[in-house]
C-alpha atoms as a PDB file:
ATOM      1  CA  MET A   1     -26.100 -22.772  64.342  1.00  0.00           C
ATOM      2  CA  GLU A   2     -24.907 -21.923  60.873  1.00  0.00           C
ATOM      3  CA  MET A   3     -25.601 -23.619  57.572  1.00  0.00           C
ATOM      4  CA  ILE A   4     -22.869 -23.623  54.946  1.00  0.00           C
ATOM      5  CA  LEU A   5     -24.304 -23.456  51.464  1.00  0.00           C
ATOM      6  CA  ALA A   6     -23.042 -24.917  48.216  1.00  0.00           C
ATOM      7  CA  ALA A   7     -22.078 -21.720  46.420  1.00  0.00           C
ATOM      8  CA  GLN A   8     -18.462 -20.573  46.287  1.00  0.00           C
ATOM      9  CA  MET A   9     -17.081 -17.055  46.033  1.00  0.00           C
ATOM     10  CA  SER A  10     -15.272 -16.175  42.819  1.00  0.00           C
ATOM     11  CA  SER A  11     -11.513 -16.443  43.232  1.00  0.00           C
ATOM     12  CA  SER A  12     -11.054 -13.312  41.139  1.00  0.00           C
ATOM     13  CA  GLN A  13     -13.070 -11.060  43.444  1.00  0.00           C
ATOM     14  CA  ALA A  14     -11.293  -9.375  46.337  1.00  0.00           C
ATOM     15  CA  ILE A  15     -13.014  -7.630  49.201  1.00  0.00           C
ATOM     16  CA  ALA A  16     -12.933  -3.880  48.568  1.00  0.00           C
ATOM     17  CA  SER A  17     -15.460  -3.263  51.327  1.00  0.00           C
ATOM     18  CA  ILE A  18     -18.152  -5.031  53.265  1.00  0.00           C
ATOM     19  CA  VAL A  19     -21.744  -3.898  53.083  1.00  0.00           C
ATOM     20  CA  ILE A  20     -24.219  -4.695  55.859  1.00  0.00           C
ATOM     21  CA  VAL A  21     -27.965  -4.505  55.236  1.00  0.00           C
ATOM     22  CA  ASP A  22     -29.983  -5.013  58.420  1.00  0.00           C
ATOM     23  CA  ASP A  23     -32.989  -3.121  59.775  1.00  0.00           C
ATOM     24  CA  ASP A  24     -32.011  -3.771  63.413  1.00  0.00           C
ATOM     25  CA  ASP A  25     -30.053  -0.638  64.395  1.00  0.00           C
ATOM     26  CA  ALA A  26     -28.191  -2.280  67.279  1.00  0.00           C
ATOM     27  CA  ALA A  27     -27.215  -5.369  65.280  1.00  0.00           C
ATOM     28  CA  ARG A  28     -26.159  -3.318  62.254  1.00  0.00           C
ATOM     29  CA  ASP A  29     -24.140  -0.789  64.271  1.00  0.00           C
ATOM     30  CA  SER A  30     -22.378  -3.368  66.445  1.00  0.00           C
ATOM     31  CA  LEU A  31     -21.503  -5.548  63.456  1.00  0.00           C
ATOM     32  CA  GLN A  32     -20.148  -2.514  61.613  1.00  0.00           C
ATOM     33  CA  ILE A  33     -17.938  -1.591  64.574  1.00  0.00           C
ATOM     34  CA  LEU A  34     -16.651  -5.148  64.998  1.00  0.00           C
ATOM     35  CA  LEU A  35     -15.780  -5.457  61.297  1.00  0.00           C
ATOM     36  CA  GLU A  36     -14.115  -2.035  61.235  1.00  0.00           C
ATOM     37  CA  LEU A  37     -12.010  -3.089  64.237  1.00  0.00           C
ATOM     38  CA  GLN A  38     -10.876  -6.040  62.095  1.00  0.00           C
ATOM     39  CA  GLY A  39      -9.652  -3.553  59.475  1.00  0.00           C
ATOM     40  CA  PHE A  40     -12.495  -3.738  56.947  1.00  0.00           C
ATOM     41  CA  ALA A  41     -14.045  -0.753  55.218  1.00  0.00           C
ATOM     42  CA  VAL A  42     -17.749  -1.071  56.039  1.00  0.00           C
ATOM     43  CA  GLU A  43     -20.896   0.605  54.729  1.00  0.00           C
ATOM     44  CA  ALA A  44     -24.207  -0.104  56.478  1.00  0.00           C
ATOM     45  CA  PHE A  45     -27.784   0.303  55.274  1.00  0.00           C
ATOM     46  CA  GLU A  46     -31.180  -0.146  56.908  1.00  0.00           C
ATOM     47  CA  THR A  47     -32.988  -1.311  53.769  1.00  0.00           C
ATOM     48  CA  CYS A  48     -32.244  -3.061  50.497  1.00  0.00           C
ATOM     49  CA  GLU A  49     -33.636  -0.084  48.634  1.00  0.00           C
ATOM     50  CA  ASP A  50     -31.104   2.228  50.323  1.00  0.00           C
ATOM     51  CA  PHE A  51     -28.281  -0.096  49.282  1.00  0.00           C
ATOM     52  CA  LEU A  52     -29.533  -0.295  45.671  1.00  0.00           C
ATOM     53  CA  ARG A  53     -29.515   3.526  45.472  1.00  0.00           C
ATOM     54  CA  SER A  54     -26.005   3.797  46.941  1.00  0.00           C
ATOM     55  CA  ALA A  55     -22.718   4.539  45.251  1.00  0.00           C
ATOM     56  CA  VAL A  56     -21.136   1.415  46.802  1.00  0.00           C
ATOM     57  CA  LEU A  57     -23.402  -0.993  44.896  1.00  0.00           C
ATOM     58  CA  HIS A  58     -20.747  -1.694  42.262  1.00  0.00           C
ATOM     59  CA  THR A  59     -17.666  -1.388  44.495  1.00  0.00           C
ATOM     60  CA  SER A  60     -18.598  -3.736  47.326  1.00  0.00           C
ATOM     61  CA  GLY A  61     -16.613  -6.894  47.885  1.00  0.00           C
ATOM     62  CA  CYS A  62     -18.957  -8.735  50.235  1.00  0.00           C
ATOM     63  CA  LEU A  63     -22.530  -8.351  51.423  1.00  0.00           C
ATOM     64  CA  VAL A  64     -23.775  -9.312  54.898  1.00  0.00           C
ATOM     65  CA  LEU A  65     -27.527  -9.386  54.387  1.00  0.00           C
ATOM     66  CA  ASP A  66     -30.463  -9.942  56.717  1.00  0.00           C
ATOM     67  CA  VAL A  67     -33.148 -12.155  55.167  1.00  0.00           C
ATOM     68  CA  HIS A  68     -36.177 -10.516  56.802  1.00  0.00           C
ATOM     69  CA  LEU A  69     -36.361  -6.791  56.079  1.00  0.00           C
ATOM     70  CA  PRO A  70     -39.168  -4.280  55.605  1.00  0.00           C
ATOM     71  CA  GLY A  71     -39.879  -3.615  51.947  1.00  0.00           C
ATOM     72  CA  MET A  72     -37.590  -5.708  49.769  1.00  0.00           C
ATOM     73  CA  SER A  73     -36.373  -8.837  51.588  1.00  0.00           C
ATOM     74  CA  GLY A  74     -32.793 -10.020  51.550  1.00  0.00           C
ATOM     75  CA  LEU A  75     -33.707 -12.878  49.222  1.00  0.00           C
ATOM     76  CA  GLU A  76     -35.462 -10.441  46.889  1.00  0.00           C
ATOM     77  CA  LEU A  77     -32.322  -8.276  46.880  1.00  0.00           C
ATOM     78  CA  MET A  78     -30.222 -11.292  45.898  1.00  0.00           C
ATOM     79  CA  ASP A  79     -32.666 -12.007  43.078  1.00  0.00           C
ATOM     80  CA  GLU A  80     -32.467  -8.365  41.943  1.00  0.00           C
ATOM     81  CA  LEU A  81     -28.659  -8.397  41.986  1.00  0.00           C
ATOM     82  CA  ASN A  82     -28.664 -11.608  39.940  1.00  0.00           C
ATOM     83  CA  SER A  83     -31.073 -10.090  37.401  1.00  0.00           C
ATOM     84  CA  ARG A  84     -28.735  -7.073  37.074  1.00  0.00           C
ATOM     85  CA  GLN A  85     -25.790  -9.485  36.674  1.00  0.00           C
ATOM     86  CA  ILE A  86     -24.087  -8.063  39.752  1.00  0.00           C
ATOM     87  CA  SER A  87     -21.945 -10.766  41.321  1.00  0.00           C
ATOM     88  CA  LEU A  88     -21.579 -10.013  45.013  1.00  0.00           C
ATOM     89  CA  PRO A  89     -20.571 -12.712  47.514  1.00  0.00           C
ATOM     90  CA  THR A  90     -23.416 -12.723  50.032  1.00  0.00           C
ATOM     91  CA  ILE A  91     -23.507 -13.905  53.628  1.00  0.00           C
ATOM     92  CA  LEU A  92     -27.125 -14.205  54.707  1.00  0.00           C
ATOM     93  CA  VAL A  93     -28.235 -13.844  58.323  1.00  0.00           C
ATOM     94  CA  THR A  94     -31.613 -14.735  59.752  1.00  0.00           C
ATOM     95  CA  GLY A  95     -33.419 -15.045  63.035  1.00  0.00           C
ATOM     96  CA  ARG A  96     -36.044 -17.336  61.477  1.00  0.00           C
ATOM     97  CA  ASN A  97     -34.273 -20.108  59.599  1.00  0.00           C
ATOM     98  CA  ASP A  98     -36.248 -22.795  57.817  1.00  0.00           C
ATOM     99  CA  LYS A  99     -35.854 -25.212  54.916  1.00  0.00           C
ATOM    100  CA  THR A 100     -37.499 -22.820  52.433  1.00  0.00           C
ATOM    101  CA  ILE A 101     -35.007 -20.047  53.269  1.00  0.00           C
ATOM    102  CA  GLN A 102     -32.106 -22.486  53.011  1.00  0.00           C
ATOM    103  CA  GLU A 103     -33.258 -23.743  49.607  1.00  0.00           C
ATOM    104  CA  ARG A 104     -33.793 -20.226  48.230  1.00  0.00           C
ATOM    105  CA  ALA A 105     -30.446 -19.068  49.595  1.00  0.00           C
ATOM    106  CA  VAL A 106     -28.661 -21.910  47.802  1.00  0.00           C
ATOM    107  CA  ALA A 107     -30.588 -21.273  44.568  1.00  0.00           C
ATOM    108  CA  LEU A 108     -29.692 -17.567  44.666  1.00  0.00           C
ATOM    109  CA  GLY A 109     -26.000 -18.241  45.316  1.00  0.00           C
ATOM    110  CA  ALA A 110     -25.503 -17.316  48.980  1.00  0.00           C
ATOM    111  CA  VAL A 111     -22.117 -18.271  50.360  1.00  0.00           C
ATOM    112  CA  ILE A 112     -23.346 -19.081  53.868  1.00  0.00           C
ATOM    113  CA  LEU A 113     -26.467 -18.709  55.989  1.00  0.00           C
ATOM    114  CA  LEU A 114     -25.873 -17.738  59.612  1.00  0.00           C
ATOM    115  CA  GLU A 115     -28.504 -17.702  62.313  1.00  0.00           C
ATOM    116  CA  LYS A 116     -28.931 -14.757  64.670  1.00  0.00           C
ATOM    117  CA  PRO A 117     -27.439 -13.979  67.022  1.00  0.00           C
ATOM    118  CA  ILE A 118     -24.483 -14.049  64.642  1.00  0.00           C
ATOM    119  CA  ASP A 119     -21.486 -16.122  65.697  1.00  0.00           C
ATOM    120  CA  PHE A 120     -18.741 -13.577  64.955  1.00  0.00           C
ATOM    121  CA  ASP A 121     -16.097 -16.303  64.530  1.00  0.00           C
ATOM    122  CA  ALA A 122     -18.272 -18.048  61.916  1.00  0.00           C
ATOM    123  CA  LEU A 123     -18.811 -14.728  60.146  1.00  0.00           C
ATOM    124  CA  MET A 124     -15.079 -13.982  60.142  1.00  0.00           C
ATOM    125  CA  ALA A 125     -14.350 -17.478  58.791  1.00  0.00           C
ATOM    126  CA  ALA A 126     -16.829 -16.894  55.952  1.00  0.00           C
ATOM    127  CA  ILE A 127     -15.251 -13.525  55.156  1.00  0.00           C
ATOM    128  CA  ALA A 128     -11.728 -14.983  55.403  1.00  0.00           C
ATOM    129  CA  GLY A 129     -12.726 -17.535  52.764  1.00  0.00           C
ATOM    130  CA  THR A 130     -13.238 -14.664  50.356  1.00  0.00           C
ATOM    131  CA  PRO A 131     -10.187 -14.091  48.129  1.00  0.00           C
ATOM    132  CA  GLY A 132      -8.409 -10.890  49.068  1.00  0.00           C
ATOM    133  CA  ALA A 133      -9.647 -10.879  52.666  1.00  0.00           C
END
């Protein structure tokens, strides 16, 4: 089951690449392969901290972000990006969805919140709604 959130992606931002941040190796790797097969340039990271240190931080077009991660959580990363004034359309994924996560995701500007296991068609629809996809 997925929950569509109120935020909208900026019509001026095109997808240059998709970044995945997920600590589950199998989920991260399989999602990367599936998105690459769809023609997207994909970078994948195990932690939020790795992504923040990366060269793709300012060139990414879309972020697929797990909520529950070791160290900095996905929601904390969204807060950090907002504080740095980095506008990055974010698709959140979680295996433990609840009202608190939904409310925080909306407040932080997430585009959509998908539950794990990820429905690939729902993910592709969310990405397709991004200008330039």
